[in-house]
Amino acid sequence: MPQSSLTLGYVPGGTPAKWARIWAERHPDVPLTLRSVAAADAAEEVRAGTLDMAVLRLPTDTSGLATIPLYEETTVAVVPTDHVISAADEITAADLTDEPTLRPLDDVVDWPAAPGAPVDHRPETTSAAIELVAAGVGVLVVPQSLARLHHRRDLTHRPIVDAPACPVALAFPDGPQPEWLEDFIGIVRGRKPSSSRGQAQSAPKRTAREKTLAKQAARAAAGKVARKPGRGRR
């Protein structure tokens, strides 16, 4: 493995700690540093080389990068706990039709036809938008992990069943993939240490004689079962 250390960036709401822990167990000689990065900057930092790879949200400009889909997040609406929406377990886009909605400048939900009546003021960050939700200014639509990241006792969130999901991917420089990257991809995909690129090592091929003996043994076993007397009826 050519690199002596690795740096993994992750956007707000990302949770790469488990992957970092497994990496440390399997590669204690190659430290992995985690660094939070703004969603708008993640891809560019990988292109610039300040990050070896990044967990980021799509869509975004991934020119010069390769990406591997990881998972899709549920899109939710964040509202005050006493809001009428909080009475339901889940909602639809139609439930937001007449609601004032906040769209921060760092919005990451790709929903051009999002419902609601957009509030004229666009807060700079999701964190600032959360403060406005708590003040009763409007509803905020975000990936579920961001709703959890900015959790407050006076706020709650509900999944929007017909909203587009929020894809999350691992991005890294395009081109031949080094061994360390294959190892890390294996970790995020849940591969075991003994597997190779996600595939269990294939068993050695049997010779023709071994195959013949195996067939004979199978036929003999089947014959014994067929000849075995059954239990008498009561």
Protein backbone atom coordinates (compact mmCIF):
# COMPACT_ATOMS: atom_id res chain seq x y z
CA MET A 1 0.00 0.00 0.00
CA PRO A 2 1.82 3.13 -1.26
CA GLN A 3 0.25 5.74 1.02
CA SER A 4 1.35 6.26 4.61
CA SER A 5 -1.93 7.95 5.63
CA LEU A 6 -5.38 8.70 4.22
CA THR A 7 -7.85 11.55 4.60
CA LEU A 8 -11.57 10.95 4.18
CA GLY A 9 -13.88 13.93 3.91
CA TYR A 10 -17.55 13.70 4.73
CA VAL A 11 -20.45 16.11 4.35
CA PRO A 12 -22.61 17.15 7.32
CA GLY A 13 -24.83 14.27 8.35
CA GLY A 14 -22.35 11.69 7.08
CA THR A 15 -21.35 9.00 9.56
CA PRO A 16 -18.04 7.41 8.50
CA ALA A 17 -16.85 6.59 12.03
CA LYS A 18 -17.70 2.89 11.70
CA TRP A 19 -15.69 2.60 8.49
CA ALA A 20 -12.75 4.40 10.10
CA ARG A 21 -12.84 2.01 13.06
CA ILE A 22 -12.82 -1.07 10.80
CA TRP A 23 -10.01 0.45 8.74
CA ALA A 24 -7.94 0.99 11.87
CA GLU A 25 -8.45 -2.66 12.83
CA ARG A 26 -7.38 -3.96 9.43
CA HIS A 27 -4.68 -1.40 8.60
CA PRO A 28 -3.21 -0.11 11.87
CA ASP A 29 -0.10 1.03 9.99
CA VAL A 30 -2.04 3.45 7.73
CA PRO A 31 -3.86 6.15 9.78
CA LEU A 32 -7.19 7.35 8.41
CA THR A 33 -8.13 10.95 9.23
CA LEU A 34 -11.77 12.06 9.08
CA ARG A 35 -12.54 15.65 8.13
CA SER A 36 -15.93 17.34 7.89
CA VAL A 37 -16.35 19.35 4.70
CA ALA A 38 -19.15 21.52 3.33
CA ALA A 39 -21.32 19.77 0.77
CA ALA A 40 -20.49 22.40 -1.87
CA ASP A 41 -16.73 21.90 -1.38
CA ALA A 42 -16.39 18.11 -1.05
CA ALA A 43 -15.88 17.21 -4.72
CA GLU A 44 -13.45 20.07 -5.37
CA GLU A 45 -11.30 19.10 -2.40
CA VAL A 46 -10.94 15.58 -3.76
CA ARG A 47 -10.00 17.00 -7.18
CA ALA A 48 -7.47 19.32 -5.52
CA GLY A 49 -5.93 16.43 -3.59
CA THR A 50 -6.60 17.83 -0.13
CA LEU A 51 -8.85 14.81 0.40
CA ASP A 52 -8.07 11.31 -0.79
CA MET A 53 -11.80 10.57 -1.02
CA ALA A 54 -15.07 11.96 0.25
CA VAL A 55 -18.52 10.83 1.26
CA LEU A 56 -20.73 13.36 -0.51
CA ARG A 57 -24.28 13.91 -1.69
CA LEU A 58 -25.42 13.75 -5.30
CA PRO A 59 -26.06 15.44 -7.58
CA THR A 60 -22.93 17.56 -7.59
CA ASP A 61 -20.15 18.31 -10.06
CA THR A 62 -18.10 15.11 -10.13
CA SER A 63 -15.98 15.88 -13.21
CA GLY A 64 -12.61 14.18 -12.89
CA LEU A 65 -13.92 11.91 -10.18
CA ALA A 66 -15.26 8.38 -9.95
CA THR A 67 -18.16 7.69 -7.63
CA ILE A 68 -19.62 4.61 -6.00
CA PRO A 69 -23.22 4.82 -4.74
CA LEU A 70 -23.47 4.05 -1.01
CA TYR A 71 -27.08 4.57 0.01
CA GLU A 72 -30.09 6.87 -0.39
CA GLU A 73 -31.43 9.00 2.43
CA THR A 74 -35.08 9.62 3.16
CA THR A 75 -36.19 13.22 2.63
CA VAL A 76 -38.03 14.73 5.60
CA ALA A 77 -39.82 17.90 6.62
CA VAL A 78 -38.62 19.60 9.81
CA VAL A 79 -41.37 21.37 11.77
CA PRO A 80 -42.06 22.59 15.32
CA THR A 81 -43.36 19.86 17.63
CA ASP A 82 -46.75 21.58 17.86
CA HIS A 83 -47.16 21.84 14.07
CA VAL A 84 -50.16 20.05 12.53
CA ILE A 85 -47.78 17.92 10.44
CA SER A 86 -46.32 16.38 13.60
CA ALA A 87 -49.61 14.54 14.19
CA ALA A 88 -48.90 12.20 11.25
CA ASP A 89 -46.28 9.44 11.06
CA GLU A 90 -45.47 10.40 7.47
CA ILE A 91 -46.64 12.99 4.98
CA THR A 92 -46.89 13.58 1.22
CA ALA A 93 -45.80 16.54 -0.86
CA ALA A 94 -49.41 17.68 -0.99
CA ASP A 95 -49.33 18.25 2.76
CA LEU A 96 -46.76 21.01 2.20
CA THR A 97 -48.60 22.81 -0.61
CA ASP A 98 -49.62 25.85 1.42
CA GLU A 99 -46.76 25.77 3.90
CA PRO A 100 -44.07 28.50 3.91
CA THR A 101 -40.84 26.66 3.17
CA LEU A 102 -37.23 27.60 3.86
CA ARG A 103 -34.47 26.91 1.36
CA PRO A 104 -30.99 27.62 2.71
CA LEU A 105 -28.14 28.46 0.35
CA ASP A 106 -26.48 25.12 1.22
CA ASP A 107 -29.64 23.16 0.34
CA VAL A 108 -28.79 19.62 -0.83
CA VAL A 109 -32.22 18.22 -1.74
CA ASP A 110 -32.56 17.94 -5.53
CA TRP A 111 -36.28 18.68 -5.84
CA PRO A 112 -36.94 21.36 -8.50
CA ALA A 113 -40.72 21.04 -8.11
CA ALA A 114 -40.68 21.03 -4.31
CA PRO A 115 -44.06 21.99 -2.82
CA GLY A 116 -44.75 24.89 -0.53
CA ALA A 117 -44.56 28.66 -0.66
CA PRO A 118 -40.85 29.60 -0.57
CA VAL A 119 -39.93 32.19 2.04
CA ASP A 120 -38.25 35.19 0.38
CA HIS A 121 -35.27 35.16 2.74
CA ARG A 122 -32.81 32.35 2.09
CA PRO A 123 -30.68 31.60 5.16
CA GLU A 124 -27.01 30.94 4.47
CA THR A 125 -26.87 27.56 6.17
CA THR A 126 -29.08 24.66 7.18
CA SER A 127 -28.21 25.43 10.79
CA ALA A 128 -29.57 28.97 10.39
CA ALA A 129 -32.70 27.58 8.70
CA ILE A 130 -33.28 25.29 11.67
CA GLU A 131 -33.35 28.36 13.93
CA LEU A 132 -36.02 29.90 11.69
CA VAL A 133 -38.10 26.72 11.80
CA ALA A 134 -38.01 26.88 15.59
CA ALA A 135 -39.16 30.50 15.37
CA GLY A 136 -42.17 29.44 13.31
CA VAL A 137 -41.01 31.07 10.06
CA GLY A 138 -41.46 27.99 7.89
CA VAL A 139 -40.87 24.32 7.16
CA LEU A 140 -37.47 22.93 6.15
CA VAL A 141 -36.99 19.98 3.77
CA VAL A 142 -33.70 18.10 4.30
CA PRO A 143 -32.17 14.61 4.22
CA GLN A 144 -33.04 12.71 7.39
CA SER A 145 -29.44 12.70 8.65
CA LEU A 146 -29.37 16.51 8.67
CA ALA A 147 -32.63 16.62 10.61
CA ARG A 148 -31.01 14.32 13.18
CA LEU A 149 -27.76 16.30 13.19
CA HIS A 150 -29.65 19.49 14.05
CA HIS A 151 -32.07 17.86 16.47
CA ARG A 152 -33.78 20.11 18.99
CA ARG A 153 -36.40 19.33 21.62
CA ASP A 154 -38.82 21.85 20.14
CA LEU A 155 -38.56 20.41 16.61
CA THR A 156 -39.49 17.14 14.97
CA HIS A 157 -39.40 15.73 11.44
CA ARG A 158 -41.59 13.54 9.27
CA PRO A 159 -40.68 11.54 6.14
CA ILE A 160 -42.15 12.78 2.85
CA VAL A 161 -43.14 9.54 1.15
CA ASP A 162 -43.26 10.88 -2.42
CA ALA A 163 -40.21 13.15 -2.24
CA PRO A 164 -37.03 12.25 -4.15
CA ALA A 165 -34.42 10.43 -2.10
CA CYS A 166 -31.04 12.00 -1.36
CA PRO A 167 -28.22 9.84 -2.81
CA VAL A 168 -24.91 9.53 -0.98
CA ALA A 169 -21.75 8.35 -2.74
CA LEU A 170 -18.05 7.79 -2.19
CA ALA A 171 -15.99 9.97 -4.54
CA PHE A 172 -12.29 9.63 -5.42
CA PRO A 173 -10.01 10.63 -8.30
CA ASP A 174 -10.88 8.91 -11.57
CA GLY A 175 -8.37 6.46 -12.99
CA PRO A 176 -6.77 3.17 -11.96
CA GLN A 177 -7.79 2.33 -8.42
CA PRO A 178 -4.94 1.70 -5.94
CA GLU A 179 -5.06 -1.24 -3.56
CA TRP A 180 -5.88 0.94 -0.53
CA LEU A 181 -8.96 2.27 -2.27
CA GLU A 182 -10.18 -1.22 -3.10
CA ASP A 183 -9.73 -2.11 0.55
CA PHE A 184 -11.71 0.92 1.72
CA ILE A 185 -14.49 0.30 -0.79
CA GLY A 186 -14.67 -3.23 0.57
CA ILE A 187 -15.15 -1.87 4.07
CA VAL A 188 -17.99 0.50 3.16
CA ARG A 189 -19.69 -2.34 1.30
CA GLY A 190 -19.40 -4.67 4.26
CA ARG A 191 -16.89 -7.11 2.83
CA LYS A 192 -15.08 -9.49 5.11
CA PRO A 193 -11.29 -9.21 5.45
CA SER A 194 -10.78 -12.52 3.64
CA SER A 195 -12.78 -11.50 0.55
CA SER A 196 -11.20 -10.09 -2.58
CA ARG A 197 -13.03 -7.08 -4.10
CA GLY A 198 -16.23 -8.29 -2.54
CA GLN A 199 -16.07 -11.80 -3.92
CA ALA A 200 -15.30 -14.78 -1.75
CA GLN A 201 -12.20 -16.56 -2.88
CA SER A 202 -13.31 -19.31 -5.20
CA ALA A 203 -12.61 -22.87 -4.25
CA PRO A 204 -9.98 -24.69 -6.34
CA LYS A 205 -11.42 -26.56 -9.30
CA ARG A 206 -11.87 -30.29 -8.81
CA THR A 207 -10.26 -32.79 -11.13
CA ALA A 208 -12.35 -35.09 -13.31
CA ARG A 209 -11.65 -38.00 -10.96
CA GLU A 210 -12.74 -35.97 -7.92
CA LYS A 211 -15.97 -35.04 -9.69
CA THR A 212 -16.64 -38.71 -10.56
CA LEU A 213 -16.03 -39.84 -7.00
CA ALA A 214 -18.30 -37.10 -5.68
CA LYS A 215 -21.12 -38.20 -8.01
CA GLN A 216 -20.68 -41.83 -6.98
CA ALA A 217 -20.83 -40.88 -3.31
CA ALA A 218 -23.97 -38.84 -3.89
CA ARG A 219 -25.69 -41.72 -5.72
CA ALA A 220 -24.72 -44.16 -2.98
CA ALA A 221 -26.10 -41.86 -0.29
CA ALA A 222 -29.34 -41.43 -2.24
CA GLY A 223 -29.68 -45.22 -2.54
CA LYS A 224 -29.31 -45.71 1.21
CA VAL A 225 -32.06 -43.18 1.89
CA ALA A 226 -34.37 -44.87 -0.61
CA ARG A 227 -33.82 -48.34 0.95
CA LYS A 228 -34.24 -47.15 4.53
CA PRO A 229 -37.47 -48.71 5.92
CA GLY A 230 -40.11 -46.28 7.04
CA ARG A 231 -41.79 -46.26 10.40
CA GLY A 232 -44.85 -48.46 10.79
CA ARG A 233 -48.27 -46.90 10.81
CA ARG A 234 -50.21 -46.76 14.01
